N, C-alpha and C. Protein backbone atom coordinates (compact mmCIF):
# COMPACT_ATOMS: atom_id res chain seq x y z
N MET A 1 55.63 13.71 18.33
CA MET A 1 55.10 12.35 18.18
C MET A 1 53.57 12.35 18.26
N LYS A 2 53.06 13.10 19.25
CA LYS A 2 51.60 13.19 19.40
C LYS A 2 50.97 13.83 18.17
N LYS A 3 51.68 14.82 17.61
CA LYS A 3 51.17 15.52 16.43
C LYS A 3 51.09 14.57 15.24
N ILE A 4 52.07 13.70 15.09
CA ILE A 4 52.08 12.72 13.99
C ILE A 4 50.93 11.74 14.15
N LYS A 5 50.71 11.29 15.41
CA LYS A 5 49.61 10.36 15.67
C LYS A 5 48.26 11.00 15.37
N LEU A 6 48.12 12.28 15.73
CA LEU A 6 46.87 12.99 15.49
C LEU A 6 46.60 13.14 14.00
N ILE A 7 47.65 13.49 13.24
CA ILE A 7 47.51 13.64 11.79
C ILE A 7 47.15 12.29 11.15
N SER A 8 47.81 11.23 11.61
CA SER A 8 47.54 9.88 11.09
C SER A 8 46.10 9.47 11.37
N LEU A 9 45.62 9.80 12.56
CA LEU A 9 44.24 9.47 12.94
C LEU A 9 43.24 10.23 12.07
N MET A 10 43.54 11.50 11.80
CA MET A 10 42.67 12.32 10.95
C MET A 10 42.61 11.77 9.52
N ILE A 11 43.78 11.36 9.00
CA ILE A 11 43.84 10.80 7.65
C ILE A 11 43.05 9.50 7.58
N LEU A 12 43.22 8.65 8.60
CA LEU A 12 42.52 7.37 8.66
C LEU A 12 41.01 7.58 8.71
N SER A 13 40.57 8.55 9.51
CA SER A 13 39.14 8.87 9.62
C SER A 13 38.58 9.34 8.28
N ALA A 14 39.35 10.18 7.58
CA ALA A 14 38.92 10.68 6.28
C ALA A 14 38.78 9.55 5.27
N ILE A 15 39.71 8.58 5.32
CA ILE A 15 39.65 7.43 4.40
C ILE A 15 38.41 6.59 4.67
N ILE A 16 38.10 6.37 5.97
CA ILE A 16 36.93 5.56 6.35
C ILE A 16 35.65 6.24 5.90
N ILE A 17 35.56 7.55 6.14
CA ILE A 17 34.36 8.31 5.76
C ILE A 17 34.17 8.29 4.25
N THR A 18 35.27 8.47 3.52
CA THR A 18 35.21 8.47 2.05
C THR A 18 34.78 7.11 1.52
N SER A 19 35.29 6.03 2.14
CA SER A 19 34.95 4.69 1.66
C SER A 19 33.50 4.34 1.92
N CYS A 20 32.87 4.98 2.92
CA CYS A 20 31.47 4.72 3.25
C CYS A 20 30.51 5.62 2.49
N ALA A 21 31.04 6.62 1.79
CA ALA A 21 30.18 7.57 1.09
C ALA A 21 29.55 6.93 -0.13
N THR A 22 28.42 7.49 -0.57
CA THR A 22 27.74 7.01 -1.76
C THR A 22 28.61 7.27 -2.99
N SER A 23 28.81 6.22 -3.79
CA SER A 23 29.69 6.37 -4.94
C SER A 23 28.96 6.89 -6.17
N GLY A 24 27.61 6.75 -6.18
CA GLY A 24 26.85 7.25 -7.32
C GLY A 24 25.36 6.99 -7.14
N VAL A 25 24.55 7.73 -7.86
CA VAL A 25 23.09 7.59 -7.79
C VAL A 25 22.55 7.51 -9.21
N ASP A 26 21.72 6.51 -9.46
CA ASP A 26 21.06 6.37 -10.76
C ASP A 26 19.57 6.55 -10.57
N ARG A 27 18.98 7.39 -11.40
CA ARG A 27 17.52 7.53 -11.38
C ARG A 27 16.90 6.40 -12.20
N LEU A 28 15.85 5.79 -11.63
CA LEU A 28 15.22 4.63 -12.27
C LEU A 28 13.79 4.95 -12.65
N ASP A 29 13.31 4.32 -13.71
CA ASP A 29 11.90 4.42 -14.09
C ASP A 29 11.04 3.80 -12.99
N GLU A 30 9.85 4.36 -12.76
CA GLU A 30 9.01 3.88 -11.67
C GLU A 30 8.59 2.42 -11.85
N ASN A 31 8.63 1.91 -13.09
CA ASN A 31 8.27 0.52 -13.35
C ASN A 31 9.49 -0.40 -13.41
N TYR A 32 10.66 0.13 -13.04
CA TYR A 32 11.88 -0.67 -13.02
C TYR A 32 11.75 -1.79 -12.00
N ASN A 33 12.06 -3.01 -12.42
CA ASN A 33 11.92 -4.17 -11.54
C ASN A 33 13.28 -4.80 -11.27
N GLU A 34 13.68 -4.81 -10.02
CA GLU A 34 14.87 -5.55 -9.61
C GLU A 34 14.73 -5.85 -8.13
N ASP A 35 14.75 -7.13 -7.80
CA ASP A 35 14.58 -7.54 -6.41
C ASP A 35 15.95 -7.72 -5.78
N LEU A 36 16.36 -6.76 -4.98
CA LEU A 36 17.71 -6.79 -4.42
C LEU A 36 17.83 -7.67 -3.17
N SER A 37 16.78 -7.70 -2.36
CA SER A 37 16.89 -8.36 -1.05
C SER A 37 15.99 -9.58 -0.89
N GLY A 38 14.93 -9.66 -1.69
CA GLY A 38 13.97 -10.73 -1.49
C GLY A 38 12.86 -10.36 -0.53
N TYR A 39 12.95 -9.16 0.02
CA TYR A 39 11.89 -8.68 0.91
C TYR A 39 10.76 -8.05 0.10
N TRP A 40 9.65 -7.81 0.77
CA TRP A 40 8.48 -7.15 0.19
C TRP A 40 8.88 -5.80 -0.39
N ASN A 41 8.49 -5.51 -1.65
CA ASN A 41 8.92 -4.27 -2.26
C ASN A 41 7.82 -3.64 -3.11
N ASP A 42 8.15 -2.55 -3.78
CA ASP A 42 7.17 -1.79 -4.54
C ASP A 42 6.59 -2.59 -5.71
N THR A 43 7.41 -3.39 -6.34
CA THR A 43 6.92 -4.21 -7.44
C THR A 43 5.85 -5.19 -6.96
N ASP A 44 6.08 -5.80 -5.80
CA ASP A 44 5.10 -6.72 -5.22
C ASP A 44 3.78 -6.00 -4.96
N ILE A 45 3.85 -4.80 -4.41
CA ILE A 45 2.64 -4.02 -4.11
C ILE A 45 1.86 -3.75 -5.39
N ARG A 46 2.55 -3.32 -6.44
CA ARG A 46 1.87 -2.98 -7.70
C ARG A 46 1.21 -4.20 -8.32
N ILE A 47 1.94 -5.31 -8.40
CA ILE A 47 1.41 -6.53 -9.02
C ILE A 47 0.21 -7.06 -8.25
N VAL A 48 0.33 -7.11 -6.92
CA VAL A 48 -0.74 -7.66 -6.09
C VAL A 48 -1.99 -6.78 -6.14
N SER A 49 -1.82 -5.46 -6.05
CA SER A 49 -2.98 -4.57 -6.04
C SER A 49 -3.74 -4.64 -7.37
N GLU A 50 -3.02 -4.62 -8.49
CA GLU A 50 -3.68 -4.69 -9.79
C GLU A 50 -4.39 -6.03 -9.97
N SER A 51 -3.74 -7.12 -9.57
CA SER A 51 -4.32 -8.45 -9.71
C SER A 51 -5.58 -8.61 -8.88
N LEU A 52 -5.53 -8.18 -7.61
CA LEU A 52 -6.68 -8.37 -6.73
C LEU A 52 -7.84 -7.44 -7.09
N VAL A 53 -7.54 -6.22 -7.50
CA VAL A 53 -8.63 -5.32 -7.90
C VAL A 53 -9.32 -5.85 -9.16
N ASN A 54 -8.55 -6.35 -10.12
CA ASN A 54 -9.15 -6.93 -11.32
C ASN A 54 -10.02 -8.12 -10.97
N GLU A 55 -9.54 -8.94 -10.04
CA GLU A 55 -10.33 -10.09 -9.60
C GLU A 55 -11.60 -9.65 -8.89
N CYS A 56 -11.48 -8.63 -8.04
CA CYS A 56 -12.63 -8.12 -7.29
C CYS A 56 -13.69 -7.57 -8.24
N LEU A 57 -13.27 -6.80 -9.23
CA LEU A 57 -14.23 -6.15 -10.12
C LEU A 57 -14.78 -7.09 -11.20
N SER A 58 -14.25 -8.30 -11.24
CA SER A 58 -14.78 -9.31 -12.16
C SER A 58 -15.71 -10.30 -11.44
N ALA A 59 -15.84 -10.15 -10.14
CA ALA A 59 -16.67 -11.06 -9.34
C ALA A 59 -18.15 -10.70 -9.49
N PRO A 60 -19.06 -11.65 -9.18
CA PRO A 60 -20.51 -11.45 -9.38
C PRO A 60 -21.13 -10.30 -8.59
N TRP A 61 -20.53 -9.89 -7.48
CA TRP A 61 -21.16 -8.89 -6.62
C TRP A 61 -21.46 -7.59 -7.37
N ILE A 62 -20.56 -7.18 -8.27
CA ILE A 62 -20.73 -5.88 -8.92
C ILE A 62 -21.89 -5.91 -9.92
N LEU A 63 -22.06 -7.03 -10.61
CA LEU A 63 -23.20 -7.16 -11.53
C LEU A 63 -24.51 -7.18 -10.75
N ASP A 64 -24.52 -7.87 -9.61
CA ASP A 64 -25.71 -7.89 -8.75
C ASP A 64 -26.07 -6.49 -8.29
N TYR A 65 -25.05 -5.72 -7.90
CA TYR A 65 -25.30 -4.36 -7.43
C TYR A 65 -25.87 -3.48 -8.55
N LEU A 66 -25.27 -3.56 -9.73
CA LEU A 66 -25.72 -2.75 -10.86
C LEU A 66 -27.17 -3.06 -11.22
N MET A 67 -27.54 -4.32 -11.17
CA MET A 67 -28.91 -4.72 -11.50
C MET A 67 -29.90 -4.20 -10.48
N ASN A 68 -29.51 -4.19 -9.20
CA ASN A 68 -30.41 -3.77 -8.13
C ASN A 68 -30.43 -2.26 -7.91
N SER A 69 -29.45 -1.54 -8.48
CA SER A 69 -29.37 -0.10 -8.24
C SER A 69 -29.76 0.72 -9.47
N GLY A 70 -30.26 0.06 -10.49
CA GLY A 70 -30.60 0.79 -11.71
C GLY A 70 -29.38 1.24 -12.46
N ASN A 71 -28.35 0.41 -12.45
CA ASN A 71 -27.10 0.67 -13.19
C ASN A 71 -26.24 1.79 -12.60
N MET A 72 -26.46 2.14 -11.34
CA MET A 72 -25.59 3.12 -10.66
C MET A 72 -24.34 2.42 -10.13
N LYS A 73 -23.18 3.04 -10.35
CA LYS A 73 -21.94 2.42 -9.91
C LYS A 73 -21.87 2.37 -8.38
N PRO A 74 -21.34 1.28 -7.82
CA PRO A 74 -21.17 1.21 -6.36
C PRO A 74 -20.07 2.16 -5.90
N THR A 75 -20.20 2.61 -4.66
CA THR A 75 -19.18 3.47 -4.06
C THR A 75 -18.39 2.67 -3.04
N VAL A 76 -17.07 2.70 -3.19
CA VAL A 76 -16.18 1.89 -2.36
C VAL A 76 -15.24 2.79 -1.58
N ILE A 77 -15.03 2.46 -0.31
CA ILE A 77 -14.01 3.13 0.50
C ILE A 77 -12.94 2.11 0.85
N VAL A 78 -11.69 2.51 0.79
CA VAL A 78 -10.58 1.61 1.13
C VAL A 78 -10.30 1.76 2.62
N GLY A 79 -10.46 0.66 3.34
CA GLY A 79 -10.21 0.67 4.78
C GLY A 79 -8.77 0.33 5.09
N GLN A 80 -8.53 -0.17 6.27
CA GLN A 80 -7.18 -0.48 6.71
C GLN A 80 -6.69 -1.81 6.13
N ILE A 81 -5.41 -1.84 5.82
CA ILE A 81 -4.74 -3.09 5.47
C ILE A 81 -3.73 -3.36 6.58
N GLN A 82 -3.96 -4.40 7.33
CA GLN A 82 -3.15 -4.68 8.51
C GLN A 82 -1.89 -5.47 8.16
N ASN A 83 -0.80 -5.12 8.80
CA ASN A 83 0.46 -5.84 8.64
C ASN A 83 0.52 -6.93 9.71
N ARG A 84 0.30 -8.15 9.31
CA ARG A 84 0.37 -9.28 10.24
C ARG A 84 1.61 -10.12 9.99
N SER A 85 2.60 -9.49 9.36
CA SER A 85 3.88 -10.17 9.11
C SER A 85 4.89 -9.73 10.16
N SER A 86 6.06 -10.35 10.10
CA SER A 86 7.14 -9.99 11.03
C SER A 86 8.01 -8.86 10.48
N GLU A 87 7.73 -8.40 9.26
CA GLU A 87 8.50 -7.33 8.64
C GLU A 87 7.84 -5.98 8.88
N HIS A 88 8.65 -4.93 8.82
CA HIS A 88 8.09 -3.59 8.85
C HIS A 88 7.54 -3.28 7.46
N MET A 89 6.28 -2.86 7.40
CA MET A 89 5.65 -2.48 6.14
C MET A 89 4.82 -1.23 6.37
N ASP A 90 4.91 -0.30 5.44
CA ASP A 90 4.02 0.86 5.46
C ASP A 90 2.79 0.47 4.64
N THR A 91 1.75 0.01 5.31
CA THR A 91 0.58 -0.51 4.60
C THR A 91 -0.25 0.60 3.96
N THR A 92 0.02 1.87 4.30
CA THR A 92 -0.69 2.96 3.62
C THR A 92 -0.31 2.99 2.14
N ILE A 93 0.90 2.55 1.79
CA ILE A 93 1.30 2.48 0.38
C ILE A 93 0.45 1.45 -0.34
N ILE A 94 0.21 0.32 0.31
CA ILE A 94 -0.62 -0.73 -0.28
C ILE A 94 -2.04 -0.23 -0.46
N SER A 95 -2.58 0.43 0.56
CA SER A 95 -3.95 0.97 0.48
C SER A 95 -4.09 1.93 -0.69
N LYS A 96 -3.09 2.80 -0.85
CA LYS A 96 -3.16 3.80 -1.93
C LYS A 96 -3.09 3.15 -3.30
N LYS A 97 -2.29 2.09 -3.44
CA LYS A 97 -2.22 1.38 -4.72
C LYS A 97 -3.56 0.74 -5.05
N PHE A 98 -4.23 0.18 -4.03
CA PHE A 98 -5.56 -0.39 -4.25
C PHE A 98 -6.55 0.70 -4.67
N GLU A 99 -6.47 1.84 -4.00
CA GLU A 99 -7.39 2.93 -4.32
C GLU A 99 -7.16 3.42 -5.75
N MET A 100 -5.91 3.55 -6.16
CA MET A 100 -5.59 3.99 -7.52
C MET A 100 -6.13 3.00 -8.54
N ALA A 101 -5.96 1.71 -8.27
CA ALA A 101 -6.44 0.69 -9.20
C ALA A 101 -7.96 0.73 -9.30
N LEU A 102 -8.65 0.97 -8.20
CA LEU A 102 -10.12 1.08 -8.22
C LEU A 102 -10.57 2.28 -9.03
N VAL A 103 -9.97 3.44 -8.76
CA VAL A 103 -10.34 4.66 -9.48
C VAL A 103 -10.08 4.52 -10.97
N ASN A 104 -8.92 3.99 -11.32
CA ASN A 104 -8.54 3.88 -12.73
C ASN A 104 -9.35 2.84 -13.49
N SER A 105 -10.00 1.94 -12.78
CA SER A 105 -10.84 0.93 -13.44
C SER A 105 -12.08 1.56 -14.06
N GLY A 106 -12.58 2.67 -13.47
CA GLY A 106 -13.79 3.32 -13.95
C GLY A 106 -15.06 2.57 -13.62
N LYS A 107 -14.97 1.47 -12.87
CA LYS A 107 -16.15 0.65 -12.60
C LYS A 107 -16.83 0.98 -11.28
N VAL A 108 -16.15 1.73 -10.42
CA VAL A 108 -16.73 2.09 -9.13
C VAL A 108 -16.42 3.55 -8.82
N ASN A 109 -17.20 4.11 -7.91
CA ASN A 109 -16.87 5.41 -7.33
C ASN A 109 -16.10 5.16 -6.04
N THR A 110 -15.23 6.10 -5.69
CA THR A 110 -14.52 5.98 -4.43
C THR A 110 -14.68 7.27 -3.63
N VAL A 111 -14.58 7.14 -2.31
CA VAL A 111 -14.64 8.30 -1.43
C VAL A 111 -13.37 8.35 -0.60
N ALA A 112 -13.16 9.47 0.08
CA ALA A 112 -11.94 9.67 0.86
C ALA A 112 -11.68 8.47 1.76
N ASP A 113 -10.44 7.98 1.70
CA ASP A 113 -10.14 6.76 2.43
C ASP A 113 -9.97 7.00 3.92
N PHE A 114 -9.73 5.91 4.62
CA PHE A 114 -9.64 5.90 6.08
C PHE A 114 -8.66 6.94 6.61
N TYR A 115 -7.55 7.13 5.90
CA TYR A 115 -6.47 7.97 6.41
C TYR A 115 -6.68 9.46 6.17
N PHE A 116 -7.51 9.83 5.18
CA PHE A 116 -7.68 11.24 4.84
C PHE A 116 -9.08 11.78 5.09
N ARG A 117 -10.00 10.91 5.50
CA ARG A 117 -11.38 11.33 5.68
C ARG A 117 -11.51 12.46 6.71
N ASP A 118 -10.77 12.36 7.82
CA ASP A 118 -10.86 13.39 8.86
C ASP A 118 -10.36 14.74 8.36
N ASP A 119 -9.32 14.73 7.51
CA ASP A 119 -8.81 15.98 6.96
C ASP A 119 -9.86 16.67 6.09
N VAL A 120 -10.58 15.86 5.30
CA VAL A 120 -11.63 16.41 4.43
C VAL A 120 -12.73 17.04 5.28
N ARG A 121 -13.11 16.36 6.36
CA ARG A 121 -14.18 16.86 7.22
C ARG A 121 -13.76 18.13 7.97
N GLU A 122 -12.50 18.19 8.36
CA GLU A 122 -12.01 19.40 9.03
C GLU A 122 -12.04 20.59 8.08
N GLU A 123 -11.66 20.36 6.83
CA GLU A 123 -11.69 21.43 5.84
C GLU A 123 -13.13 21.91 5.60
N LYS A 124 -14.06 20.98 5.53
CA LYS A 124 -15.45 21.34 5.30
C LYS A 124 -16.00 22.15 6.48
N LEU A 125 -15.62 21.76 7.69
CA LEU A 125 -16.07 22.49 8.87
C LEU A 125 -15.46 23.89 8.90
N ASP A 126 -14.20 24.01 8.50
CA ASP A 126 -13.54 25.32 8.45
C ASP A 126 -14.23 26.24 7.45
N GLN A 127 -14.71 25.67 6.33
CA GLN A 127 -15.38 26.48 5.32
C GLN A 127 -16.68 27.09 5.83
N GLN A 128 -17.30 26.47 6.82
CA GLN A 128 -18.56 27.00 7.34
C GLN A 128 -18.36 28.38 7.97
N TYR A 129 -17.12 28.65 8.42
CA TYR A 129 -16.83 29.92 9.09
C TYR A 129 -16.03 30.88 8.21
N ASN A 130 -15.27 30.33 7.27
CA ASN A 130 -14.32 31.18 6.54
C ASN A 130 -14.58 31.28 5.04
N ALA A 131 -15.50 30.55 4.51
CA ALA A 131 -15.82 30.65 3.08
C ALA A 131 -17.21 31.27 2.91
N SER A 132 -17.44 31.84 1.76
CA SER A 132 -18.76 32.43 1.50
C SER A 132 -19.82 31.34 1.45
N SER A 133 -21.04 31.71 1.74
CA SER A 133 -22.13 30.74 1.76
C SER A 133 -22.34 30.12 0.38
N GLU A 134 -21.98 30.84 -0.67
CA GLU A 134 -22.16 30.32 -2.03
C GLU A 134 -21.13 29.24 -2.38
N THR A 135 -19.94 29.31 -1.76
CA THR A 135 -18.88 28.37 -2.14
C THR A 135 -18.57 27.32 -1.08
N ALA A 136 -19.06 27.50 0.13
CA ALA A 136 -18.76 26.56 1.21
C ALA A 136 -19.39 25.20 0.94
N ALA A 137 -18.62 24.14 1.14
CA ALA A 137 -19.16 22.78 1.01
C ALA A 137 -20.17 22.55 2.13
N GLN A 138 -21.29 21.94 1.80
CA GLN A 138 -22.37 21.76 2.76
C GLN A 138 -22.13 20.56 3.67
N LEU A 139 -22.48 20.72 4.93
CA LEU A 139 -22.39 19.62 5.88
C LEU A 139 -23.47 18.59 5.57
N GLY A 140 -23.18 17.36 5.89
CA GLY A 140 -24.16 16.30 5.72
C GLY A 140 -24.45 15.92 4.28
N GLU A 141 -23.52 16.28 3.35
CA GLU A 141 -23.75 15.99 1.94
C GLU A 141 -22.73 15.00 1.37
N GLU A 142 -22.01 14.30 2.24
CA GLU A 142 -21.04 13.33 1.76
C GLU A 142 -21.74 12.17 1.05
N THR A 143 -21.05 11.59 0.10
CA THR A 143 -21.54 10.37 -0.54
C THR A 143 -21.18 9.18 0.34
N GLY A 144 -22.18 8.48 0.79
CA GLY A 144 -21.93 7.33 1.65
C GLY A 144 -21.41 6.15 0.84
N ALA A 145 -20.43 5.47 1.38
CA ALA A 145 -19.88 4.29 0.70
C ALA A 145 -20.82 3.10 0.86
N ASP A 146 -20.91 2.31 -0.18
CA ASP A 146 -21.71 1.09 -0.14
C ASP A 146 -20.88 -0.10 0.34
N PHE A 147 -19.58 -0.06 0.03
CA PHE A 147 -18.72 -1.19 0.34
C PHE A 147 -17.38 -0.69 0.90
N MET A 148 -16.77 -1.52 1.74
CA MET A 148 -15.42 -1.24 2.26
C MET A 148 -14.49 -2.36 1.86
N LEU A 149 -13.34 -1.98 1.28
CA LEU A 149 -12.30 -2.94 0.93
C LEU A 149 -11.22 -2.89 2.00
N GLN A 150 -10.96 -4.02 2.62
CA GLN A 150 -9.93 -4.06 3.67
C GLN A 150 -9.22 -5.41 3.62
N GLY A 151 -8.12 -5.52 4.36
CA GLY A 151 -7.39 -6.78 4.31
C GLY A 151 -6.17 -6.81 5.19
N SER A 152 -5.26 -7.73 4.87
CA SER A 152 -4.06 -7.93 5.68
C SER A 152 -2.95 -8.56 4.84
N VAL A 153 -1.72 -8.42 5.34
CA VAL A 153 -0.56 -9.05 4.72
C VAL A 153 0.09 -9.97 5.75
N LYS A 154 0.29 -11.23 5.38
CA LYS A 154 0.93 -12.21 6.26
C LYS A 154 2.19 -12.73 5.58
N PHE A 155 3.06 -13.34 6.37
CA PHE A 155 4.37 -13.75 5.86
C PHE A 155 4.74 -15.11 6.42
N ASN A 156 5.36 -15.95 5.57
CA ASN A 156 5.85 -17.25 6.01
C ASN A 156 7.26 -17.44 5.47
N LEU A 157 8.14 -18.00 6.31
CA LEU A 157 9.53 -18.23 5.94
C LEU A 157 9.86 -19.71 6.06
N ASP A 158 10.41 -20.27 4.99
CA ASP A 158 10.90 -21.65 4.99
C ASP A 158 12.36 -21.59 4.60
N GLN A 159 13.25 -22.01 5.50
CA GLN A 159 14.68 -21.82 5.27
C GLN A 159 15.46 -23.07 5.63
N VAL A 160 16.39 -23.44 4.75
CA VAL A 160 17.36 -24.50 5.01
C VAL A 160 18.72 -23.95 4.64
N SER A 161 19.62 -23.91 5.62
CA SER A 161 20.97 -23.38 5.39
C SER A 161 20.89 -21.97 4.82
N ASN A 162 21.44 -21.74 3.64
CA ASN A 162 21.47 -20.39 3.06
C ASN A 162 20.42 -20.19 1.96
N THR A 163 19.47 -21.11 1.87
CA THR A 163 18.39 -20.99 0.90
C THR A 163 17.08 -20.78 1.64
N ALA A 164 16.34 -19.77 1.22
CA ALA A 164 15.08 -19.44 1.90
C ALA A 164 13.97 -19.23 0.88
N ILE A 165 12.78 -19.66 1.24
CA ILE A 165 11.57 -19.36 0.48
C ILE A 165 10.76 -18.38 1.32
N ARG A 166 10.58 -17.18 0.80
CA ARG A 166 9.81 -16.13 1.49
C ARG A 166 8.45 -16.02 0.78
N THR A 167 7.38 -16.23 1.54
CA THR A 167 6.03 -16.20 0.96
C THR A 167 5.19 -15.15 1.65
N TYR A 168 4.60 -14.28 0.84
CA TYR A 168 3.72 -13.22 1.36
C TYR A 168 2.29 -13.52 0.89
N TYR A 169 1.34 -13.47 1.83
CA TYR A 169 -0.07 -13.69 1.53
C TYR A 169 -0.82 -12.38 1.73
N VAL A 170 -1.44 -11.90 0.68
CA VAL A 170 -2.25 -10.69 0.77
C VAL A 170 -3.72 -11.11 0.68
N ASP A 171 -4.45 -10.94 1.77
CA ASP A 171 -5.86 -11.30 1.84
C ASP A 171 -6.70 -10.03 1.83
N MET A 172 -7.68 -9.98 0.93
CA MET A 172 -8.56 -8.82 0.85
C MET A 172 -10.01 -9.27 0.91
N GLU A 173 -10.86 -8.40 1.45
CA GLU A 173 -12.29 -8.70 1.50
C GLU A 173 -13.08 -7.42 1.26
N LEU A 174 -14.20 -7.58 0.56
CA LEU A 174 -15.09 -6.46 0.27
C LEU A 174 -16.37 -6.68 1.08
N ILE A 175 -16.72 -5.69 1.89
CA ILE A 175 -17.83 -5.84 2.82
C ILE A 175 -18.94 -4.85 2.49
N ASN A 176 -20.16 -5.34 2.43
CA ASN A 176 -21.34 -4.49 2.30
C ASN A 176 -21.51 -3.76 3.62
N ILE A 177 -21.36 -2.43 3.62
CA ILE A 177 -21.37 -1.66 4.86
C ILE A 177 -22.72 -1.73 5.56
N GLU A 178 -23.79 -1.74 4.80
CA GLU A 178 -25.12 -1.75 5.41
C GLU A 178 -25.44 -3.08 6.08
N THR A 179 -25.08 -4.17 5.44
CA THR A 179 -25.46 -5.49 5.96
C THR A 179 -24.32 -6.20 6.68
N GLY A 180 -23.08 -5.77 6.45
CA GLY A 180 -21.92 -6.46 7.03
C GLY A 180 -21.56 -7.73 6.28
N GLN A 181 -22.25 -7.99 5.18
CA GLN A 181 -22.01 -9.19 4.39
C GLN A 181 -20.71 -9.07 3.60
N LYS A 182 -19.92 -10.14 3.59
CA LYS A 182 -18.72 -10.19 2.76
C LYS A 182 -19.14 -10.64 1.37
N VAL A 183 -18.99 -9.76 0.39
CA VAL A 183 -19.46 -10.07 -0.95
C VAL A 183 -18.35 -10.59 -1.86
N TRP A 184 -17.10 -10.42 -1.42
CA TRP A 184 -15.97 -10.93 -2.20
C TRP A 184 -14.77 -11.14 -1.28
N LEU A 185 -14.07 -12.25 -1.48
CA LEU A 185 -12.83 -12.55 -0.77
C LEU A 185 -11.76 -12.89 -1.81
N GLY A 186 -10.58 -12.36 -1.64
CA GLY A 186 -9.51 -12.64 -2.58
C GLY A 186 -8.18 -12.78 -1.88
N GLN A 187 -7.31 -13.58 -2.47
CA GLN A 187 -5.95 -13.73 -1.93
C GLN A 187 -4.96 -13.82 -3.08
N ASP A 188 -3.85 -13.10 -2.93
CA ASP A 188 -2.76 -13.20 -3.89
C ASP A 188 -1.50 -13.55 -3.10
N THR A 189 -0.64 -14.33 -3.72
CA THR A 189 0.57 -14.81 -3.04
C THR A 189 1.81 -14.39 -3.82
N VAL A 190 2.79 -13.90 -3.09
CA VAL A 190 4.10 -13.58 -3.66
C VAL A 190 5.11 -14.51 -3.02
N LYS A 191 5.77 -15.33 -3.85
CA LYS A 191 6.72 -16.31 -3.33
C LYS A 191 8.09 -16.06 -3.95
N LYS A 192 9.12 -16.01 -3.10
CA LYS A 192 10.47 -15.70 -3.58
C LYS A 192 11.48 -16.70 -3.01
N LYS A 193 12.35 -17.19 -3.88
CA LYS A 193 13.45 -18.05 -3.44
C LYS A 193 14.71 -17.19 -3.38
N VAL A 194 15.34 -17.17 -2.23
CA VAL A 194 16.50 -16.31 -2.01
C VAL A 194 17.69 -17.17 -1.60
N GLN A 195 18.79 -17.01 -2.30
CA GLN A 195 20.00 -17.75 -1.99
C GLN A 195 21.15 -16.79 -1.78
N LYS A 196 21.81 -16.91 -0.64
CA LYS A 196 22.96 -16.06 -0.34
C LYS A 196 24.04 -16.89 0.34
N SER A 197 25.26 -16.44 0.21
CA SER A 197 26.37 -17.17 0.80
C SER A 197 26.32 -17.18 2.31
N SER A 198 25.87 -16.08 2.89
CA SER A 198 25.71 -16.02 4.35
C SER A 198 24.44 -15.25 4.63
N TYR A 199 23.31 -15.91 4.61
CA TYR A 199 22.00 -15.28 4.71
C TYR A 199 21.57 -15.18 6.16
N ARG A 200 21.13 -13.99 6.54
CA ARG A 200 20.66 -13.76 7.91
C ARG A 200 19.29 -13.15 7.88
N PHE A 201 18.41 -13.57 8.82
CA PHE A 201 17.08 -13.00 8.96
C PHE A 201 16.96 -12.32 10.31
């Protein structure tokens, strides 16, 4: 009797494990858009970063800089983007999307961002001891950034019964590093209406 119960339990466990297993995997194009949950996702990051960078580079500050610098492109460093929402977000993904959009615009120079700058400096210091004098990167020769782009993501929820409006606010600011002056402020909003039969937050 015990043996029958044990076999039955093993069979039941196997059925449960099988039913929970992944039934299939589809590879998707990186630009594939489908909002499954209504939460902040990769499509939102791409749209917001491209929109805000285009807005930033169309603002008067860049023309003013070019006129005062003899047509030399400004150098921008991407600073921290703070998560001020109630959701978990890896804001380094947002920072990298902004950096990519800046580089690909061709309108500004960029330098190592907040997250990788220390790694670059450690490598340069290591070269002073382990690379030949002809090939070692020189200390004190970094290109100083003229401006820092930084910002935050905030979130607001409006919900009645099983219908919710999820709104994300992405605020960005470009700061003149020498003077501390804010030369550009921008905000983009992502708003989603989500309806589910039994919605939980």
